[in-house]
Amino acid sequence: MEIRHFVTFNKVIEMGSFTQAAEHLGYTQSTVSSHIQALEEHLGGPLFDRLGRKVRLTEIGKKLLPYTQEILDTYGKIESITSEEEDIRGTLKIAAPESLTVYRLEPILREYRKKFPQVNIRLSNASCGDNKKAIVDGSADVAFVMLPQFEDSDLVIHPLMNEPIVLVGSPDCSLNSLPKNYKNQKLSECLITNEKEGSYRRIFEEFLRDRGIVPSNIMELWSIEAIKRSVMSGLGIAYLPLMTVQDEIKEGKLKIIPCEADFKQIYSQVVYHKNKWVFPALSSFIEITLKHAKDWSICKNFTKT
């Protein structure tokens, strides 16, 4: 077994296919297959189940994965023994939800790129649940999530900020509030929302179910910008992080619809695996993130839900 075999194994897991792993590593697909076969022959069993173009780890593959991460982390430490801070390089894999990517990460990434131009940043967007999984399976070095504060024995978690979530509609929306006595009714408005795995969507839908409130319809859209534009045009209402809509509220393009409820507080948080080697590129990124988070603020002129 060679280091490159473990690198290939890790890349196949990250990309989900032999073909894409080969493209990213600059190998032919037959080379990727030979690396995996070398590991399988040594271990005496298959590492992947081939499901069409996609692959899935077998039980042997799942057992090998944490050892692979340890091997590659150790290899990275060896490679960086003589690296100076000003010559930090390598690849940093970041996972984040769309909302934080668009509304929080830009100044962080800008400063980081300016200080460490030799680091290759790979940023992926997914639901918070998928971002947590990316930390566990090693496909991301660091992840951002928007969730109620939580503890996980396998993760190092840095809460960054309480992120208020608000119900918004167009200025002409007939719904002006959801008071405590608003129960067992059907909303005339369509609920415009993101994917089902979204944390704040789940919280708001639990609120509606508990009160027996049924939206007239539910429209799922792929991005927050698409949701905002639909709400501004009068197509429905949406439950979104305040940071994503505060400009439109200031400009009178959206209005907050107050809700009388004890919603779970959502926090932006940055996480990484406790067993992950915090290599220089990762350490510097976390440091810059925590510095910027101290300066984040929410406009005090808005009413929280």
Protein backbone atom coordinates (compact mmCIF):
# COMPACT_ATOMS: atom_id res chain seq x y z
CA MET A 1 0.00 0.00 0.00
CA GLU A 2 1.21 3.49 -0.87
CA ILE A 3 0.18 6.99 0.18
CA ARG A 4 -1.17 7.67 -3.31
CA HIS A 5 -3.54 4.72 -2.92
CA PHE A 6 -5.07 6.31 0.17
CA VAL A 7 -5.22 9.68 -1.57
CA THR A 8 -7.16 8.07 -4.41
CA PHE A 9 -9.44 6.19 -2.02
CA ASN A 10 -10.26 9.44 -0.22
CA LYS A 11 -10.87 11.27 -3.49
CA VAL A 12 -13.30 8.62 -4.74
CA ILE A 13 -15.30 9.01 -1.52
CA GLU A 14 -15.23 12.80 -1.83
CA MET A 15 -16.30 12.87 -5.50
CA GLY A 16 -18.67 9.90 -5.40
CA SER A 17 -17.31 8.27 -8.54
CA PHE A 18 -14.14 6.85 -10.07
CA THR A 19 -14.50 9.06 -13.15
CA GLN A 20 -14.68 12.35 -11.25
CA ALA A 21 -11.87 11.27 -8.90
CA ALA A 22 -9.68 10.56 -11.94
CA GLU A 23 -10.45 14.00 -13.40
CA HIS A 24 -9.54 15.82 -10.19
CA LEU A 25 -6.37 13.81 -9.61
CA GLY A 26 -5.22 14.01 -13.22
CA TYR A 27 -5.24 10.22 -13.56
CA THR A 28 -6.85 7.89 -16.07
CA GLN A 29 -9.82 5.97 -14.75
CA SER A 30 -7.82 2.74 -15.05
CA THR A 31 -5.17 4.21 -12.71
CA VAL A 32 -7.80 5.04 -10.12
CA SER A 33 -9.19 1.51 -10.44
CA SER A 34 -5.73 0.00 -10.01
CA HIS A 35 -5.10 2.03 -6.83
CA ILE A 36 -8.38 0.84 -5.32
CA GLN A 37 -7.72 -2.73 -6.41
CA ALA A 38 -4.31 -2.62 -4.70
CA LEU A 39 -5.98 -1.67 -1.42
CA GLU A 40 -8.73 -4.27 -1.89
CA GLU A 41 -6.22 -7.03 -2.57
CA HIS A 42 -4.21 -6.10 0.51
CA LEU A 43 -7.33 -5.99 2.72
CA GLY A 44 -8.98 -9.02 1.15
CA GLY A 45 -12.32 -7.50 0.27
CA PRO A 46 -14.11 -4.80 -1.76
CA LEU A 47 -14.06 -1.18 -0.60
CA PHE A 48 -16.95 0.03 -2.77
CA ASP A 49 -20.25 -1.16 -4.13
CA ARG A 50 -20.62 0.10 -7.71
CA LEU A 51 -24.13 1.49 -8.23
CA GLY A 52 -24.17 2.65 -11.83
CA ARG A 53 -21.89 5.68 -12.04
CA LYS A 54 -21.95 6.19 -8.28
CA VAL A 55 -20.12 4.22 -5.62
CA ARG A 56 -20.93 3.50 -2.00
CA LEU A 57 -18.62 2.32 0.76
CA THR A 58 -18.81 -1.30 1.85
CA GLU A 59 -18.38 -2.21 5.50
CA ILE A 60 -14.66 -2.74 4.87
CA GLY A 61 -14.47 0.68 3.21
CA LYS A 62 -16.23 2.30 6.18
CA LYS A 63 -13.71 0.73 8.57
CA LEU A 64 -10.79 1.91 6.43
CA LEU A 65 -12.02 5.51 6.17
CA PRO A 66 -10.98 6.82 9.63
CA TYR A 67 -7.53 5.23 9.28
CA THR A 68 -7.19 6.85 5.87
CA GLN A 69 -7.91 10.25 7.41
CA GLU A 70 -5.27 9.63 10.08
CA ILE A 71 -2.71 8.56 7.46
CA LEU A 72 -3.35 11.59 5.24
CA ASP A 73 -3.33 13.98 8.20
CA THR A 74 0.01 12.56 9.34
CA TYR A 75 1.36 12.81 5.81
CA GLY A 76 0.26 16.45 5.71
CA LYS A 77 2.07 17.14 8.97
CA ILE A 78 5.26 15.64 7.59
CA GLU A 79 4.97 17.67 4.39
CA SER A 80 4.58 20.92 6.34
CA ILE A 81 7.40 20.42 8.85
CA THR A 82 9.56 23.04 7.18
CA SER A 83 6.75 25.33 5.96
CA GLU A 84 6.83 28.91 7.11
CA GLU A 85 3.59 30.77 7.89
CA GLU A 86 4.01 33.11 4.94
CA ASP A 87 4.32 30.10 2.63
CA ILE A 88 1.15 28.30 3.76
CA ARG A 89 -0.22 26.25 0.90
CA GLY A 90 -2.34 23.20 0.17
CA THR A 91 -6.07 22.69 -0.23
CA LEU A 92 -8.75 23.83 2.22
CA LYS A 93 -12.16 22.19 1.83
CA ILE A 94 -15.03 24.27 3.24
CA ALA A 95 -18.70 23.28 3.44
CA ALA A 96 -21.36 25.91 4.14
CA PRO A 97 -25.06 26.60 3.59
CA GLU A 98 -25.99 29.12 0.91
CA SER A 99 -27.12 31.75 3.41
CA LEU A 100 -23.77 31.95 5.22
CA THR A 101 -21.81 31.69 1.98
CA VAL A 102 -23.57 34.70 0.49
CA TYR A 103 -24.09 36.88 3.55
CA ARG A 104 -21.22 36.06 5.93
CA LEU A 105 -18.26 34.43 4.24
CA GLU A 106 -17.28 36.93 1.56
CA PRO A 107 -15.08 39.18 3.78
CA ILE A 108 -13.58 36.11 5.48
CA LEU A 109 -12.65 34.51 2.17
CA ARG A 110 -11.37 37.82 0.78
CA GLU A 111 -8.97 38.34 3.70
CA TYR A 112 -7.90 34.71 3.64
CA ARG A 113 -7.15 34.74 -0.10
CA LYS A 114 -5.16 37.95 0.30
CA LYS A 115 -3.04 36.52 3.10
CA PHE A 116 -2.65 32.99 1.76
CA PRO A 117 -2.83 33.07 -2.05
CA GLN A 118 -1.10 29.68 -2.31
CA VAL A 119 -4.00 27.86 -0.62
CA ASN A 120 -6.52 26.28 -2.97
CA ILE A 121 -10.00 26.87 -1.52
CA ARG A 122 -12.76 24.41 -2.35
CA LEU A 123 -16.14 25.69 -1.16
CA SER A 124 -19.27 23.54 -1.43
CA ASN A 125 -22.85 24.46 -0.56
CA ALA A 126 -25.28 22.00 0.97
CA SER A 127 -27.77 21.67 3.80
CA CYS A 128 -26.46 21.93 7.35
CA GLY A 129 -27.04 18.21 7.89
CA ASP A 130 -24.97 17.37 4.83
CA ASN A 131 -22.26 19.79 5.94
CA LYS A 132 -21.97 17.98 9.27
CA LYS A 133 -21.71 14.66 7.42
CA ALA A 134 -18.94 16.13 5.27
CA ILE A 135 -16.89 16.73 8.43
CA VAL A 136 -17.46 13.20 9.68
CA ASP A 137 -16.58 11.49 6.40
CA GLY A 138 -13.60 13.76 5.74
CA SER A 139 -14.87 15.37 2.52
CA ALA A 140 -14.61 18.79 4.22
CA ASP A 141 -11.96 20.16 6.57
CA VAL A 142 -14.25 22.73 8.15
CA ALA A 143 -17.98 23.39 7.91
CA PHE A 144 -20.41 26.17 8.71
CA VAL A 145 -23.91 25.34 9.93
CA MET A 146 -27.00 27.25 11.01
CA LEU A 147 -28.60 25.19 13.76
CA PRO A 148 -29.72 25.43 17.37
CA GLN A 149 -26.64 25.19 19.57
CA PHE A 150 -25.61 21.56 19.88
CA GLU A 151 -22.89 19.31 21.26
CA ASP A 152 -21.20 16.43 19.48
CA SER A 153 -18.43 14.39 21.06
CA ASP A 154 -16.73 13.99 17.67
CA LEU A 155 -16.75 17.68 16.73
CA VAL A 156 -15.11 20.92 17.82
CA ILE A 157 -17.84 23.56 17.63
CA HIS A 158 -17.42 27.35 17.72
CA PRO A 159 -20.74 29.24 18.02
CA LEU A 160 -20.41 32.47 16.04
CA MET A 161 -23.65 34.39 16.38
CA ASN A 162 -27.34 34.15 17.16
CA GLU A 163 -29.06 34.46 13.77
CA PRO A 164 -32.67 35.69 14.09
CA ILE A 165 -35.10 34.13 11.63
CA VAL A 166 -38.12 36.17 10.50
CA LEU A 167 -41.35 35.57 8.62
CA VAL A 168 -41.59 37.99 5.70
CA GLY A 169 -44.12 38.92 3.06
CA SER A 170 -44.54 41.57 0.43
CA PRO A 171 -45.69 45.03 1.62
CA ASP A 172 -49.17 44.23 0.22
CA CYS A 173 -49.41 40.84 1.95
CA SER A 174 -52.75 40.57 3.78
CA LEU A 175 -51.17 38.63 6.65
CA ASN A 176 -49.91 41.13 9.24
CA SER A 177 -49.15 38.84 12.20
CA LEU A 178 -49.49 35.33 13.63
CA PRO A 179 -50.74 35.95 17.19
CA LYS A 180 -51.09 33.21 19.80
CA ASN A 181 -54.80 32.79 19.04
CA TYR A 182 -54.12 32.14 15.36
CA LYS A 183 -54.79 28.40 15.38
CA ASN A 184 -56.43 25.68 13.31
CA GLN A 185 -56.69 27.88 10.26
CA LYS A 186 -55.63 27.68 6.65
CA LEU A 187 -53.24 30.36 5.48
CA SER A 188 -54.35 32.11 2.33
CA GLU A 189 -50.66 32.62 1.49
CA CYS A 190 -48.33 30.12 -0.12
CA LEU A 191 -45.28 29.19 1.97
CA ILE A 192 -42.16 29.65 -0.16
CA THR A 193 -39.23 27.73 1.25
CA ASN A 194 -35.92 25.97 0.66
CA GLU A 195 -35.10 22.26 0.80
CA LYS A 196 -36.77 20.03 3.41
CA GLU A 197 -33.48 19.51 5.25
CA GLY A 198 -33.21 23.24 6.07
CA SER A 199 -33.05 23.82 9.83
CA TYR A 200 -35.21 26.94 9.98
CA ARG A 201 -37.76 25.44 7.60
CA ARG A 202 -38.18 22.50 9.98
CA ILE A 203 -38.61 24.85 12.94
CA PHE A 204 -41.30 26.91 11.19
CA GLU A 205 -43.18 23.86 9.91
CA GLU A 206 -43.18 22.43 13.46
CA PHE A 207 -44.70 25.74 14.63
CA LEU A 208 -47.43 25.48 11.98
CA ARG A 209 -48.19 21.84 12.80
CA ASP A 210 -48.38 22.52 16.54
CA ARG A 211 -50.99 25.21 15.90
CA GLY A 212 -52.87 23.33 13.23
CA ILE A 213 -52.09 26.01 10.66
CA VAL A 214 -52.00 24.81 7.05
CA PRO A 215 -50.43 26.85 4.23
CA SER A 216 -52.54 27.11 1.09
CA ASN A 217 -49.58 25.71 -0.79
CA ILE A 218 -45.84 25.09 -0.43
CA MET A 219 -43.39 26.17 -3.09
CA GLU A 220 -39.82 24.84 -2.86
CA LEU A 221 -37.13 26.93 -4.54
CA TRP A 222 -33.43 26.27 -4.91
CA SER A 223 -31.99 29.55 -3.61
CA ILE A 224 -32.65 32.28 -1.08
CA GLU A 225 -32.49 34.93 -3.80
CA ALA A 226 -35.21 33.12 -5.75
CA ILE A 227 -37.31 32.86 -2.58
CA LYS A 228 -36.91 36.59 -1.83
CA ARG A 229 -37.86 37.63 -5.35
CA SER A 230 -40.94 35.42 -5.25
CA VAL A 231 -42.03 36.88 -1.92
CA MET A 232 -41.43 40.46 -3.09
CA SER A 233 -43.62 39.79 -6.14
CA GLY A 234 -46.46 38.71 -3.86
CA LEU A 235 -46.38 34.97 -4.51
CA GLY A 236 -46.27 34.05 -0.83
CA ILE A 237 -44.48 34.31 2.50
CA ALA A 238 -41.12 32.92 3.66
CA TYR A 239 -39.29 32.20 6.91
CA LEU A 240 -35.70 33.36 6.39
CA PRO A 241 -32.62 34.49 8.32
CA LEU A 242 -32.84 38.20 9.05
CA MET A 243 -29.37 38.77 7.60
CA THR A 244 -30.68 37.68 4.18
CA VAL A 245 -33.64 40.09 4.07
CA GLN A 246 -32.70 43.13 6.16
CA ASP A 247 -31.77 45.25 3.13
CA GLU A 248 -35.11 44.56 1.47
CA ILE A 249 -36.93 45.36 4.71
CA LYS A 250 -35.12 48.69 5.00
CA GLU A 251 -36.03 49.51 1.42
CA GLY A 252 -39.70 48.66 1.97
CA LYS A 253 -39.65 45.73 -0.46
CA LEU A 254 -40.48 43.22 2.29
CA LYS A 255 -42.21 43.43 5.66
CA ILE A 256 -41.76 41.37 8.80
CA ILE A 257 -44.83 39.40 9.86
CA PRO A 258 -44.53 39.09 13.68
CA CYS A 259 -45.08 35.60 15.14
CA GLU A 260 -45.96 35.07 18.79
CA ALA A 261 -44.02 31.90 19.47
CA ASP A 262 -40.96 30.61 21.31
CA PHE A 263 -38.87 29.55 18.36
CA LYS A 264 -35.60 27.73 18.91
CA GLN A 265 -32.71 30.11 18.49
CA ILE A 266 -30.54 29.45 15.45
CA TYR A 267 -26.80 30.08 15.61
CA SER A 268 -24.20 30.27 12.90
CA GLN A 269 -21.44 27.87 13.96
CA VAL A 270 -18.15 26.68 12.55
CA VAL A 271 -17.15 23.06 13.17
CA TYR A 272 -14.38 20.58 12.44
CA HIS A 273 -13.62 17.03 13.55
CA LYS A 274 -11.90 16.67 16.93
CA ASN A 275 -9.44 14.17 15.43
CA LYS A 276 -8.69 16.38 12.46
CA TRP A 277 -5.17 17.69 12.28
CA VAL A 278 -5.56 21.45 12.33
CA PHE A 279 -2.99 22.08 9.62
CA PRO A 280 -1.72 25.65 9.09
CA ALA A 281 -4.16 26.53 6.30
CA LEU A 282 -7.10 25.37 8.43
CA SER A 283 -5.84 26.99 11.63
CA SER A 284 -5.46 30.35 9.89
CA PHE A 285 -8.93 30.11 8.37
CA ILE A 286 -10.56 29.41 11.73
CA GLU A 287 -8.64 32.28 13.30
CA ILE A 288 -9.82 34.72 10.60
CA THR A 289 -13.41 33.42 10.88
CA LEU A 290 -13.56 33.95 14.65
CA LYS A 291 -12.10 37.45 14.25
CA HIS A 292 -14.74 38.46 11.70
CA ALA A 293 -17.56 36.91 13.71
CA LYS A 294 -16.85 39.35 16.55
CA ASP A 295 -17.77 42.21 14.22
CA TRP A 296 -21.02 40.71 12.93
CA SER A 297 -24.10 42.60 14.02
CA ILE A 298 -27.82 42.56 13.40
CA CYS A 299 -29.67 45.80 12.82
CA LYS A 300 -31.39 46.64 16.13
CA ASN A 301 -34.28 48.41 14.42
CA PHE A 302 -35.95 45.13 13.49
CA THR A 303 -38.40 43.17 15.61
CA LYS A 304 -37.38 39.58 16.26
CA THR A 305 -39.90 36.80 15.88
